[in-house]
Amino acid sequence: MLETNKASGGEPLTQQGLIEIKLDELLGDEIIEFDKIYRELLNDAYDWKLWAAAFIVNGGCSDDCFMDFRGWLIAQGEEIYTKALANPDSLSEIDNLYGDCEWEGFGYLSFTVYEKKTGKEMQISPEINYPSEPKGEEWDENELDNLLPKLSQKRGC
């Protein structure tokens, strides 16, 4: 992801095109495996504190928006993703926190490439377990400045 993120200048649609090219080079089973890893990363990031970061960065965040934010986060590369999972306030160190940091199209990319390549509809791996609730403790909007002070300050909250 980092390679395509850098090559695209962090622009999601450009990065999506670059990822699509890379996925198109894979076999159908490899595309399914890519999607499985993507969904596992998405689930690992299903965390209340990270949702607070998404809320701050995007000026609000529904559950659909939070899914798209996690897609955007994965696209930033392993280092930023891992650091944000350990400490969501670390997102304050990212320069490209402009506009909405969410990426809906990333969630569909594997399906699109797989279908184009094989002529068949790709199914989500049944091995993936989706959590029913985010990890950690739920927060209140009034707590965000204290919960993620660096990110709140950077975004002017």
C-alpha atoms as a PDB file:
ATOM      1  CA  MET A   1       0.000   0.000   0.000  1.00  0.00           C
ATOM      2  CA  LEU A   2       2.767   2.422   0.865  1.00  0.00           C
ATOM      3  CA  GLU A   3       4.208   2.121  -2.646  1.00  0.00           C
ATOM      4  CA  THR A   4       0.917   3.026  -4.313  1.00  0.00           C
ATOM      5  CA  ASN A   5       0.217   5.714  -1.722  1.00  0.00           C
ATOM      6  CA  LYS A   6       3.521   7.444  -2.438  1.00  0.00           C
ATOM      7  CA  ALA A   7       3.172   7.044  -6.212  1.00  0.00           C
ATOM      8  CA  SER A   8      -0.304   8.602  -6.081  1.00  0.00           C
ATOM      9  CA  GLY A   9       0.699  11.488  -3.831  1.00  0.00           C
ATOM     10  CA  GLY A  10      -1.928  10.245  -1.382  1.00  0.00           C
ATOM     11  CA  GLU A  11      -4.774  10.920  -3.842  1.00  0.00           C
ATOM     12  CA  PRO A  12      -7.291   8.082  -3.339  1.00  0.00           C
ATOM     13  CA  LEU A  13      -8.619   7.771  -6.903  1.00  0.00           C
ATOM     14  CA  THR A  14      -5.108   7.704  -8.349  1.00  0.00           C
ATOM     15  CA  GLN A  15      -4.025   5.183  -5.728  1.00  0.00           C
ATOM     16  CA  GLN A  16      -7.116   3.095  -6.456  1.00  0.00           C
ATOM     17  CA  GLY A  17      -6.089   2.938 -10.126  1.00  0.00           C
ATOM     18  CA  LEU A  18      -2.572   1.865  -9.174  1.00  0.00           C
ATOM     19  CA  ILE A  19      -3.859  -0.842  -6.835  1.00  0.00           C
ATOM     20  CA  GLU A  20      -6.242  -2.018  -9.545  1.00  0.00           C
ATOM     21  CA  ILE A  21      -3.286  -2.456 -11.925  1.00  0.00           C
ATOM     22  CA  LYS A  22      -1.417  -4.499  -9.298  1.00  0.00           C
ATOM     23  CA  LEU A  23      -4.482  -6.624  -8.516  1.00  0.00           C
ATOM     24  CA  ASP A  24      -5.013  -7.266 -12.212  1.00  0.00           C
ATOM     25  CA  GLU A  25      -1.573  -8.923 -12.298  1.00  0.00           C
ATOM     26  CA  LEU A  26      -2.730 -11.507  -9.717  1.00  0.00           C
ATOM     27  CA  LEU A  27      -4.539 -14.798 -10.178  1.00  0.00           C
ATOM     28  CA  GLY A  28      -8.159 -15.026  -8.997  1.00  0.00           C
ATOM     29  CA  ASP A  29      -7.211 -16.899  -5.807  1.00  0.00           C
ATOM     30  CA  GLU A  30      -4.592 -14.256  -5.009  1.00  0.00           C
ATOM     31  CA  ILE A  31      -7.180 -11.489  -5.373  1.00  0.00           C
ATOM     32  CA  ILE A  32      -9.419 -13.370  -2.930  1.00  0.00           C
ATOM     33  CA  GLU A  33      -6.491 -13.623  -0.492  1.00  0.00           C
ATOM     34  CA  PHE A  34      -5.777  -9.885  -0.883  1.00  0.00           C
ATOM     35  CA  ASP A  35      -9.399  -9.135  -0.018  1.00  0.00           C
ATOM     36  CA  LYS A  36      -9.283 -11.481   2.971  1.00  0.00           C
ATOM     37  CA  ILE A  37      -6.226  -9.668   4.349  1.00  0.00           C
ATOM     38  CA  TYR A  38      -7.874  -6.297   3.684  1.00  0.00           C
ATOM     39  CA  ARG A  39     -10.994  -7.355   5.617  1.00  0.00           C
ATOM     40  CA  GLU A  40      -8.928  -8.696   8.514  1.00  0.00           C
ATOM     41  CA  LEU A  41      -7.096  -5.357   8.725  1.00  0.00           C
ATOM     42  CA  LEU A  42     -10.441  -3.568   8.557  1.00  0.00           C
ATOM     43  CA  ASN A  43     -11.720  -5.668  11.480  1.00  0.00           C
ATOM     44  CA  ASP A  44      -8.538  -5.188  13.515  1.00  0.00           C
ATOM     45  CA  ALA A  45      -9.075  -1.428  13.230  1.00  0.00           C
ATOM     46  CA  TYR A  46     -12.651  -1.655  14.559  1.00  0.00           C
ATOM     47  CA  ASP A  47     -11.799   0.227  17.734  1.00  0.00           C
ATOM     48  CA  TRP A  48     -13.616   2.990  19.636  1.00  0.00           C
ATOM     49  CA  LYS A  49     -10.524   5.145  20.054  1.00  0.00           C
ATOM     50  CA  LEU A  50      -9.737   4.925  16.347  1.00  0.00           C
ATOM     51  CA  TRP A  51     -13.386   5.824  15.657  1.00  0.00           C
ATOM     52  CA  ALA A  52     -12.802   8.921  17.805  1.00  0.00           C
ATOM     53  CA  ALA A  53      -9.841   9.793  15.569  1.00  0.00           C
ATOM     54  CA  ALA A  54     -12.039   9.381  12.484  1.00  0.00           C
ATOM     55  CA  PHE A  55     -14.674  11.590  14.110  1.00  0.00           C
ATOM     56  CA  ILE A  56     -12.098  14.331  14.734  1.00  0.00           C
ATOM     57  CA  VAL A  57     -10.460  14.095  11.316  1.00  0.00           C
ATOM     58  CA  ASN A  58     -13.722  14.035   9.360  1.00  0.00           C
ATOM     59  CA  GLY A  59     -15.712  16.411  11.565  1.00  0.00           C
ATOM     60  CA  GLY A  60     -18.138  13.602  12.456  1.00  0.00           C
ATOM     61  CA  CYS A  61     -18.269   9.929  11.587  1.00  0.00           C
ATOM     62  CA  SER A  62     -21.122   7.471  11.091  1.00  0.00           C
ATOM     63  CA  ASP A  63     -20.561   3.705  11.092  1.00  0.00           C
ATOM     64  CA  ASP A  64     -20.343   3.676   7.259  1.00  0.00           C
ATOM     65  CA  CYS A  65     -17.933   6.599   7.345  1.00  0.00           C
ATOM     66  CA  PHE A  66     -15.823   4.744   9.918  1.00  0.00           C
ATOM     67  CA  MET A  67     -15.568   1.736   7.594  1.00  0.00           C
ATOM     68  CA  ASP A  68     -14.403   4.036   4.797  1.00  0.00           C
ATOM     69  CA  PHE A  69     -11.964   5.752   7.177  1.00  0.00           C
ATOM     70  CA  ARG A  70     -10.444   2.363   8.023  1.00  0.00           C
ATOM     71  CA  GLY A  71     -10.048   1.696   4.298  1.00  0.00           C
ATOM     72  CA  TRP A  72      -8.262   5.027   3.955  1.00  0.00           C
ATOM     73  CA  LEU A  73      -6.060   4.143   6.945  1.00  0.00           C
ATOM     74  CA  ILE A  74      -5.064   0.783   5.451  1.00  0.00           C
ATOM     75  CA  ALA A  75      -4.148   2.563   2.221  1.00  0.00           C
ATOM     76  CA  GLN A  76      -1.668   4.761   4.110  1.00  0.00           C
ATOM     77  CA  GLY A  77       0.636   1.768   4.520  1.00  0.00           C
ATOM     78  CA  GLU A  78       1.640  -0.627   7.264  1.00  0.00           C
ATOM     79  CA  GLU A  79       3.652   1.809   9.392  1.00  0.00           C
ATOM     80  CA  ILE A  80       0.930   4.449   9.696  1.00  0.00           C
ATOM     81  CA  TYR A  81      -1.783   1.791  10.107  1.00  0.00           C
ATOM     82  CA  THR A  82       0.082  -0.069  12.860  1.00  0.00           C
ATOM     83  CA  LYS A  83       1.030   3.123  14.664  1.00  0.00           C
ATOM     84  CA  ALA A  84      -2.578   4.385  14.542  1.00  0.00           C
ATOM     85  CA  LEU A  85      -3.911   1.126  15.968  1.00  0.00           C
ATOM     86  CA  ALA A  86      -1.478   1.405  18.882  1.00  0.00           C
ATOM     87  CA  ASN A  87      -2.083   5.145  19.351  1.00  0.00           C
ATOM     88  CA  PRO A  88      -4.741   6.887  17.226  1.00  0.00           C
ATOM     89  CA  ASP A  89      -3.369  10.276  18.328  1.00  0.00           C
ATOM     90  CA  SER A  90      -0.332   9.474  16.139  1.00  0.00           C
ATOM     91  CA  LEU A  91      -2.471  10.390  13.117  1.00  0.00           C
ATOM     92  CA  SER A  92      -1.665  13.994  14.033  1.00  0.00           C
ATOM     93  CA  GLU A  93       1.779  13.351  12.493  1.00  0.00           C
ATOM     94  CA  ILE A  94       0.328  12.778   9.004  1.00  0.00           C
ATOM     95  CA  ASP A  95       0.584  15.691   6.594  1.00  0.00           C
ATOM     96  CA  ASN A  96      -2.299  14.725   4.282  1.00  0.00           C
ATOM     97  CA  LEU A  97      -5.165  15.038   6.750  1.00  0.00           C
ATOM     98  CA  TYR A  98      -7.164  17.272   4.434  1.00  0.00           C
ATOM     99  CA  GLY A  99     -10.775  16.891   3.443  1.00  0.00           C
ATOM    100  CA  ASP A 100     -12.502  13.687   4.407  1.00  0.00           C
ATOM    101  CA  CYS A 101     -10.102  10.865   5.154  1.00  0.00           C
ATOM    102  CA  GLU A 102     -12.262   8.053   3.942  1.00  0.00           C
ATOM    103  CA  TRP A 103     -12.160   5.755   0.950  1.00  0.00           C
ATOM    104  CA  GLU A 104     -15.251   3.784   0.069  1.00  0.00           C
ATOM    105  CA  GLY A 105     -13.935   2.518  -3.262  1.00  0.00           C
ATOM    106  CA  PHE A 106     -11.136   0.520  -1.670  1.00  0.00           C
ATOM    107  CA  GLY A 107     -13.675  -1.861  -0.165  1.00  0.00           C
ATOM    108  CA  TYR A 108     -15.010  -2.806  -3.608  1.00  0.00           C
ATOM    109  CA  LEU A 109     -11.755  -2.919  -5.548  1.00  0.00           C
ATOM    110  CA  SER A 110     -11.024  -6.646  -5.140  1.00  0.00           C
ATOM    111  CA  PHE A 111     -14.560  -7.529  -6.215  1.00  0.00           C
ATOM    112  CA  THR A 112     -14.364  -5.346  -9.314  1.00  0.00           C
ATOM    113  CA  VAL A 113     -10.997  -6.680 -10.475  1.00  0.00           C
ATOM    114  CA  TYR A 114     -11.911 -10.295  -9.688  1.00  0.00           C
ATOM    115  CA  GLU A 115     -15.145 -10.095 -11.675  1.00  0.00           C
ATOM    116  CA  LYS A 116     -13.449  -8.383 -14.607  1.00  0.00           C
ATOM    117  CA  LYS A 117     -10.671 -10.989 -14.592  1.00  0.00           C
ATOM    118  CA  THR A 118     -12.728 -14.151 -14.051  1.00  0.00           C
ATOM    119  CA  GLY A 119     -16.211 -13.229 -15.233  1.00  0.00           C
ATOM    120  CA  LYS A 120     -17.493 -14.488 -11.867  1.00  0.00           C
ATOM    121  CA  GLU A 121     -18.752 -12.691  -8.786  1.00  0.00           C
ATOM    122  CA  MET A 122     -16.305 -12.867  -5.881  1.00  0.00           C
ATOM    123  CA  GLN A 123     -17.640 -13.899  -2.487  1.00  0.00           C
ATOM    124  CA  ILE A 124     -16.312 -12.642   0.839  1.00  0.00           C
ATOM    125  CA  SER A 125     -14.285 -15.325   2.559  1.00  0.00           C
ATOM    126  CA  PRO A 126     -16.423 -17.247   5.081  1.00  0.00           C
ATOM    127  CA  GLU A 127     -13.310 -17.514   7.291  1.00  0.00           C
ATOM    128  CA  ILE A 128     -13.616 -13.870   8.301  1.00  0.00           C
ATOM    129  CA  ASN A 129     -15.318 -13.168  11.615  1.00  0.00           C
ATOM    130  CA  TYR A 130     -16.780  -9.701  11.901  1.00  0.00           C
ATOM    131  CA  PRO A 131     -16.866  -8.182  15.381  1.00  0.00           C
ATOM    132  CA  SER A 132     -20.267  -6.999  16.545  1.00  0.00           C
ATOM    133  CA  GLU A 133     -18.857  -4.094  18.576  1.00  0.00           C
ATOM    134  CA  PRO A 134     -15.694  -2.000  18.398  1.00  0.00           C
ATOM    135  CA  LYS A 135     -12.883  -2.818  20.814  1.00  0.00           C
ATOM    136  CA  GLY A 136     -12.258  -0.546  23.767  1.00  0.00           C
ATOM    137  CA  GLU A 137     -14.473   1.946  25.514  1.00  0.00           C
ATOM    138  CA  GLU A 138     -17.144   4.067  23.910  1.00  0.00           C
ATOM    139  CA  TRP A 139     -16.540   7.818  24.164  1.00  0.00           C
ATOM    140  CA  ASP A 140     -18.582  10.972  24.266  1.00  0.00           C
ATOM    141  CA  GLU A 141     -17.979  13.886  21.867  1.00  0.00           C
ATOM    142  CA  ASN A 142     -17.129  16.143  24.809  1.00  0.00           C
ATOM    143  CA  GLU A 143     -14.186  13.878  25.708  1.00  0.00           C
ATOM    144  CA  LEU A 144     -12.392  14.029  22.345  1.00  0.00           C
ATOM    145  CA  ASP A 145     -10.003  16.861  23.228  1.00  0.00           C
ATOM    146  CA  ASN A 146      -8.720  14.875  26.195  1.00  0.00           C
ATOM    147  CA  LEU A 147      -8.872  11.485  24.468  1.00  0.00           C
ATOM    148  CA  LEU A 148      -6.813  12.545  21.425  1.00  0.00           C
ATOM    149  CA  PRO A 149      -5.279  15.937  22.253  1.00  0.00           C
ATOM    150  CA  LYS A 150      -2.709  16.172  19.430  1.00  0.00           C
ATOM    151  CA  LEU A 151      -5.192  15.224  16.739  1.00  0.00           C
ATOM    152  CA  SER A 152      -7.835  17.561  18.187  1.00  0.00           C
ATOM    153  CA  GLN A 153      -5.359  20.425  18.205  1.00  0.00           C
ATOM    154  CA  LYS A 154      -4.202  19.739  14.636  1.00  0.00           C
ATOM    155  CA  ARG A 155      -7.755  19.659  13.316  1.00  0.00           C
ATOM    156  CA  GLY A 156      -8.757  22.719  15.331  1.00  0.00           C
ATOM    157  CA  CYS A 157     -11.380  20.970  17.441  1.00  0.00           C
END
